[in-house]
C-alpha atoms as a PDB file:
ATOM      1  CA  MET A   1     104.234 149.508 115.038  1.00  0.00           C
ATOM      2  CA  PRO A   2     103.478 148.679 111.115  1.00  0.00           C
ATOM      3  CA  ASN A   3     106.660 146.308 111.325  1.00  0.00           C
ATOM      4  CA  GLU A   4     105.112 144.380 114.423  1.00  0.00           C
ATOM      5  CA  ARG A   5     101.816 143.783 112.790  1.00  0.00           C
ATOM      6  CA  LEU A   6     102.871 142.642 109.763  1.00  0.00           C
ATOM      7  CA  ARG A   7     105.601 140.495 111.435  1.00  0.00           C
ATOM      8  CA  THR A   8     102.350 138.969 113.592  1.00  0.00           C
ATOM      9  CA  TRP A   9     100.338 138.710 110.556  1.00  0.00           C
ATOM     10  CA  GLN A  10     103.203 136.807 109.243  1.00  0.00           C
ATOM     11  CA  VAL A  11     103.432 134.242 112.363  1.00  0.00           C
ATOM     12  CA  GLY A  12      99.986 133.890 111.782  1.00  0.00           C
ATOM     13  CA  ALA A  13      99.190 133.232 108.025  1.00  0.00           C
ATOM     14  CA  ILE A  14     102.625 130.755 108.071  1.00  0.00           C
ATOM     15  CA  ALA A  15     100.791 128.833 111.047  1.00  0.00           C
ATOM     16  CA  GLN A  16      97.332 128.714 109.172  1.00  0.00           C
ATOM     17  CA  TYR A  17      99.221 127.660 105.823  1.00  0.00           C
ATOM     18  CA  GLU A  18     100.828 124.459 108.013  1.00  0.00           C
ATOM     19  CA  ARG A  19      97.627 123.865 109.546  1.00  0.00           C
ATOM     20  CA  TYR A  20      96.028 124.007 106.135  1.00  0.00           C
ATOM     21  CA  GLU A  21      98.755 121.768 104.547  1.00  0.00           C
ATOM     22  CA  ARG A  22      98.648 119.319 107.289  1.00  0.00           C
ATOM     23  CA  TYR A  23      94.554 118.922 106.631  1.00  0.00           C
ATOM     24  CA  LEU A  24      95.079 118.625 102.866  1.00  0.00           C
ATOM     25  CA  LEU A  25      98.033 115.709 103.933  1.00  0.00           C
ATOM     26  CA  ASP A  26      95.057 114.028 106.445  1.00  0.00           C
ATOM     27  CA  LEU A  27      92.513 114.442 103.628  1.00  0.00           C
ATOM     28  CA  VAL A  28      94.835 112.688 100.701  1.00  0.00           C
ATOM     29  CA  THR A  29      95.865 109.852 103.222  1.00  0.00           C
ATOM     30  CA  ARG A  30      92.114 109.228 104.038  1.00  0.00           C
ATOM     31  CA  GLU A  31      90.955 109.263 101.097  1.00  0.00           C
ATOM     32  CA  SER A  32      93.834 106.923  99.694  1.00  0.00           C
ATOM     33  CA  GLN A  33      92.980 104.450 102.029  1.00  0.00           C
ATOM     34  CA  ASP A  34      89.650 104.373 101.542  1.00  0.00           C
ATOM     35  CA  LEU A  35      89.851 103.782  97.784  1.00  0.00           C
ATOM     36  CA  GLU A  36      92.447 100.726  98.536  1.00  0.00           C
ATOM     37  CA  GLN A  37      89.656  99.383 100.968  1.00  0.00           C
ATOM     38  CA  LYS A  38      87.294  99.777  98.404  1.00  0.00           C
ATOM     39  CA  ARG A  39      89.847  98.247  95.537  1.00  0.00           C
ATOM     40  CA  ILE A  40      89.885  95.570  97.923  1.00  0.00           C
ATOM     41  CA  GLN A  41      86.030  94.915  98.470  1.00  0.00           C
ATOM     42  CA  ARG A  42      84.923  95.240  95.015  1.00  0.00           C
ATOM     43  CA  PRO A  43      86.263  91.715  94.083  1.00  0.00           C
ATOM     44  CA  LEU A  44      84.712  89.981  96.677  1.00  0.00           C
ATOM     45  CA  ARG A  45      80.914  91.766  96.497  1.00  0.00           C
ATOM     46  CA  GLN A  46      81.569  90.483  92.869  1.00  0.00           C
ATOM     47  CA  SER A  47      82.545  87.058  93.889  1.00  0.00           C
ATOM     48  CA  ARG A  48      79.073  86.978  95.527  1.00  0.00           C
ATOM     49  CA  ILE A  49      80.654  84.540  98.208  1.00  0.00           C
ATOM     50  CA  PRO A  50      78.742  84.764 101.373  1.00  0.00           C
ATOM     51  CA  ALA A  51      80.647  86.937 103.864  1.00  0.00           C
ATOM     52  CA  GLU A  52      80.345  83.672 106.664  1.00  0.00           C
ATOM     53  CA  LYS A  53      82.256  81.506 104.670  1.00  0.00           C
ATOM     54  CA  ALA A  54      85.587  80.609 106.470  1.00  0.00           C
ATOM     55  CA  LEU A  55      87.780  77.949 106.638  1.00  0.00           C
ATOM     56  CA  ALA A  56      86.669  77.768 110.256  1.00  0.00           C
ATOM     57  CA  ASN A  57      83.151  77.349 109.524  1.00  0.00           C
ATOM     58  CA  PHE A  58      83.910  74.456 107.122  1.00  0.00           C
ATOM     59  CA  ASN A  59      82.139  71.147 107.964  1.00  0.00           C
ATOM     60  CA  LEU A  60      84.781  68.325 107.135  1.00  0.00           C
ATOM     61  CA  LYS A  61      82.389  65.764 108.045  1.00  0.00           C
ATOM     62  CA  ARG A  62      80.622  66.326 104.912  1.00  0.00           C
ATOM     63  CA  LEU A  63      83.731  65.231 103.117  1.00  0.00           C
ATOM     64  CA  SER A  64      84.368  61.460 102.699  1.00  0.00           C
ATOM     65  CA  PRO A  65      87.304  60.235 105.268  1.00  0.00           C
ATOM     66  CA  LYS A  66      90.245  60.042 102.742  1.00  0.00           C
ATOM     67  CA  VAL A  67      89.342  63.689 100.955  1.00  0.00           C
ATOM     68  CA  ALA A  68      88.998  64.833 105.233  1.00  0.00           C
ATOM     69  CA  LEU A  69      92.185  63.911 106.162  1.00  0.00           C
ATOM     70  CA  LEU A  70      93.813  65.311 103.368  1.00  0.00           C
ATOM     71  CA  THR A  71      92.301  68.597 103.699  1.00  0.00           C
ATOM     72  CA  LYS A  72      93.327  68.390 107.454  1.00  0.00           C
ATOM     73  CA  SER A  73      96.700  68.023 105.865  1.00  0.00           C
ATOM     74  CA  LEU A  74      96.980  70.918 103.856  1.00  0.00           C
ATOM     75  CA  ILE A  75      95.359  73.117 106.388  1.00  0.00           C
ATOM     76  CA  GLU A  76      98.274  72.367 108.552  1.00  0.00           C
ATOM     77  CA  GLY A  77     100.362  72.793 106.014  1.00  0.00           C
ATOM     78  CA  GLU A  78     101.898  68.988 106.487  1.00  0.00           C
ATOM     79  CA  VAL A  79     101.270  68.457 102.708  1.00  0.00           C
ATOM     80  CA  LYS A  80     103.087  70.554 100.104  1.00  0.00           C
ATOM     81  CA  SER A  81     100.822  69.236  97.237  1.00  0.00           C
ATOM     82  CA  PHE A  82      99.054  66.487  95.383  1.00  0.00           C
ATOM     83  CA  VAL A  83     101.630  67.260  92.549  1.00  0.00           C
ATOM     84  CA  ASP A  84     105.120  67.171  94.872  1.00  0.00           C
ATOM     85  CA  MET A  85     103.205  63.600  96.364  1.00  0.00           C
ATOM     86  CA  ALA A  86     103.153  62.649  92.584  1.00  0.00           C
ATOM     87  CA  ILE A  87      99.434  61.219  93.630  1.00  0.00           C
ATOM     88  CA  ASN A  88      96.143  62.052  91.759  1.00  0.00           C
ATOM     89  CA  PRO A  89      93.573  63.930  94.025  1.00  0.00           C
ATOM     90  CA  PRO A  90      90.912  62.142  95.465  1.00  0.00           C
ATOM     91  CA  SER A  91      87.607  62.419  93.275  1.00  0.00           C
END
């Protein structure tokens, strides 16, 4: 009978250890993800760029027609760069 109790205790201890090990793995994984997210967010906060700034919200009508055309080309990937085209960028 003592052998049976010992075996039951060992099985319980192993199961508990595996759960604890899994808990620690989950904890470290979540902590790592949280640190990575903070590492990415920190420079964004420090730049003080408004969160709503995005290319989709950019008003091309504010640009001159020539610059707007070049900007559209760059956005669509049709123009590699001003250097590749061997021209000066418009002022």
